[in-house]
Amino acid sequence: MRVVIQRVKQASVTINSAVHAKIEQGLLVLVGIHKDDVFNDVVYIADKIVSLRIFSGPDNKMNMDIAASQGSLLVVSQFTLYANTAGGNRPDFIQAAPAEKAQKLYFSFLDRLKRGQVPVASGIFGANMQVSLVNDGPVTIIIDSR
């Protein structure tokens, strides 16, 4: 499982010209599911995200996690995180999980995140989405469960 996390001042997902989900301060989480991923990958990544101390505290140092900063999560599925561009100019997605498996693990990931103290919004799995954000910092972190 691979995620790209961006600390944001605000972020939104638009589907069919309508805003589907939006957050103010928090994290935009782009999620790719690998063909070999299992539930343990979901647990590892979800727990890591909510534990990351990447928000500034009163001392202006990154010492606070998302709950302490009173932030929210916006989670968006993105199979293209497993693009392979080594063989030419057109990427292949052979390493990405098939849709049925990816959807099951994606929903497990959302469920795991929703158990915590942080509000969670999401896009729609498999939809064509337009994602807007104001990156804060900028702070962008990539985490891979492998």
Protein backbone atom coordinates (compact mmCIF):
# COMPACT_ATOMS: atom_id res chain seq x y z
CA MET A 1 0.00 0.00 0.00
CA ARG A 2 1.31 3.42 -0.89
CA VAL A 3 0.05 6.80 0.23
CA VAL A 4 0.99 10.34 -0.62
CA ILE A 5 0.08 12.62 2.27
CA GLN A 6 -0.14 16.36 1.86
CA ARG A 7 -0.66 18.69 4.78
CA VAL A 8 -3.32 21.13 3.63
CA LYS A 9 -5.04 24.35 4.62
CA GLN A 10 -8.02 23.05 2.66
CA ALA A 11 -8.82 20.33 0.12
CA SER A 12 -11.84 19.16 -1.84
CA VAL A 13 -13.01 16.48 -4.26
CA THR A 14 -15.36 17.39 -7.08
CA ILE A 15 -17.28 14.76 -9.04
CA ASN A 16 -19.50 15.64 -12.01
CA SER A 17 -19.06 19.38 -11.34
CA ALA A 18 -20.33 19.08 -7.74
CA VAL A 19 -18.23 19.20 -4.59
CA HIS A 20 -18.47 15.72 -3.09
CA ALA A 21 -16.24 16.20 -0.04
CA LYS A 22 -14.09 18.92 1.46
CA ILE A 23 -12.00 19.62 4.52
CA GLU A 24 -10.32 22.61 6.03
CA GLN A 25 -6.95 22.15 7.79
CA GLY A 26 -5.71 18.55 7.79
CA LEU A 27 -4.31 15.92 5.47
CA LEU A 28 -5.12 14.96 1.90
CA VAL A 29 -4.32 11.25 1.58
CA LEU A 30 -3.94 9.73 -1.89
CA VAL A 31 -4.13 5.92 -1.59
CA GLY A 32 -2.78 3.25 -3.91
CA ILE A 33 -3.39 -0.45 -3.23
CA HIS A 34 -0.75 -2.97 -4.38
CA LYS A 35 -1.80 -6.32 -5.84
CA ASP A 36 -0.13 -8.14 -2.89
CA ASP A 37 -1.56 -5.94 -0.13
CA VAL A 38 -3.44 -7.48 2.80
CA PHE A 39 -5.29 -6.12 5.82
CA ASN A 40 -2.01 -5.70 7.77
CA ASP A 41 -0.93 -3.11 5.18
CA VAL A 42 -4.16 -1.19 5.85
CA VAL A 43 -3.55 -1.23 9.61
CA TYR A 44 0.08 -0.15 9.29
CA ILE A 45 -0.65 2.79 6.97
CA ALA A 46 -3.79 4.00 8.78
CA ASP A 47 -2.11 3.90 12.18
CA LYS A 48 1.00 5.62 10.82
CA ILE A 49 -1.03 8.47 9.30
CA VAL A 50 -2.88 9.34 12.51
CA SER A 51 0.35 9.12 14.52
CA LEU A 52 2.52 11.32 12.29
CA ARG A 53 3.61 14.44 14.11
CA ILE A 54 3.66 16.81 11.15
CA PHE A 55 1.60 19.72 12.50
CA SER A 56 3.18 22.69 14.20
CA GLY A 57 2.63 23.25 17.89
CA PRO A 58 2.98 26.47 19.88
CA ASP A 59 6.76 26.31 19.52
CA ASN A 60 6.38 26.29 15.69
CA LYS A 61 7.95 22.81 15.43
CA MET A 62 6.27 19.78 13.90
CA ASN A 63 5.31 18.06 17.16
CA MET A 64 1.55 17.52 16.85
CA ASP A 65 -0.43 14.73 15.22
CA ILE A 66 -3.63 15.37 13.30
CA ALA A 67 -5.94 14.83 16.29
CA ALA A 68 -4.00 17.30 18.45
CA SER A 69 -4.13 19.85 15.63
CA GLN A 70 -7.91 19.36 15.30
CA GLY A 71 -7.50 18.54 11.61
CA SER A 72 -9.46 16.33 9.23
CA LEU A 73 -8.59 13.71 6.64
CA LEU A 74 -9.65 13.67 2.99
CA VAL A 75 -8.92 10.24 1.50
CA VAL A 76 -8.85 9.63 -2.26
CA SER A 77 -8.21 6.31 -4.03
CA GLN A 78 -5.50 6.57 -6.68
CA PHE A 79 -4.32 3.39 -8.40
CA THR A 80 -1.89 5.45 -10.49
CA LEU A 81 0.47 5.55 -7.49
CA TYR A 82 1.59 2.13 -8.73
CA ALA A 83 2.39 3.32 -12.27
CA ASN A 84 5.44 1.69 -13.83
CA THR A 85 7.14 3.96 -16.35
CA ALA A 86 10.33 1.93 -16.86
CA GLY A 87 9.21 0.29 -20.12
CA GLY A 88 8.40 3.36 -22.17
CA ASN A 89 6.30 6.47 -22.16
CA ARG A 90 2.93 4.85 -21.45
CA PRO A 91 2.74 3.67 -17.83
CA ASP A 92 1.46 0.25 -16.92
CA PHE A 93 -0.40 -0.48 -13.72
CA ILE A 94 0.39 -4.18 -13.33
CA GLN A 95 1.41 -3.71 -9.69
CA ALA A 96 -1.90 -2.08 -8.74
CA ALA A 97 -4.51 -4.34 -7.16
CA PRO A 98 -7.50 -5.41 -9.26
CA ALA A 99 -10.53 -3.17 -8.64
CA GLU A 100 -12.49 -5.64 -6.48
CA LYS A 101 -9.56 -6.28 -4.12
CA ALA A 102 -8.52 -2.63 -4.06
CA GLN A 103 -12.06 -1.49 -3.23
CA LYS A 104 -12.33 -3.93 -0.33
CA LEU A 105 -9.00 -2.79 1.17
CA TYR A 106 -9.82 0.88 0.50
CA PHE A 107 -13.06 0.59 2.48
CA SER A 108 -11.19 -1.26 5.25
CA PHE A 109 -8.71 1.62 5.28
CA LEU A 110 -11.51 4.18 5.61
CA ASP A 111 -13.13 2.13 8.40
CA ARG A 112 -9.84 1.95 10.28
CA LEU A 113 -9.34 5.72 10.03
CA LYS A 114 -12.93 6.43 11.10
CA ARG A 115 -12.38 4.55 14.37
CA GLY A 116 -10.14 7.35 15.57
CA GLN A 117 -10.76 10.87 16.81
CA VAL A 118 -10.31 12.55 13.43
CA PRO A 119 -13.10 13.45 10.97
CA VAL A 120 -12.70 11.52 7.70
CA ALA A 121 -14.08 12.53 4.30
CA SER A 122 -13.43 10.65 1.06
CA GLY A 123 -13.86 10.58 -2.65
CA ILE A 124 -15.72 7.80 -4.48
CA PHE A 125 -13.70 4.70 -5.32
CA GLY A 126 -13.14 4.44 -9.07
CA ALA A 127 -14.79 7.76 -9.92
CA ASN A 128 -13.28 10.44 -12.12
CA MET A 129 -12.49 13.09 -9.50
CA GLN A 130 -10.99 16.55 -9.54
CA VAL A 131 -8.95 17.18 -6.41
CA SER A 132 -8.16 20.70 -5.26
CA LEU A 133 -5.89 21.63 -2.40
CA VAL A 134 -3.90 24.35 -0.75
CA ASN A 135 -0.72 22.63 0.40
CA ASP A 136 0.48 23.85 3.80
CA GLY A 137 4.24 24.20 4.10
CA PRO A 138 4.44 22.53 1.65
CA VAL A 139 4.57 19.25 3.52
CA THR A 140 4.29 16.12 1.36
CA ILE A 141 5.17 12.66 2.66
CA ILE A 142 5.13 9.29 0.90
CA ILE A 143 4.63 6.11 2.94
CA ASP A 144 4.85 2.61 1.54
CA SER A 145 3.88 -0.43 3.58
CA ARG A 146 6.46 -2.61 1.82
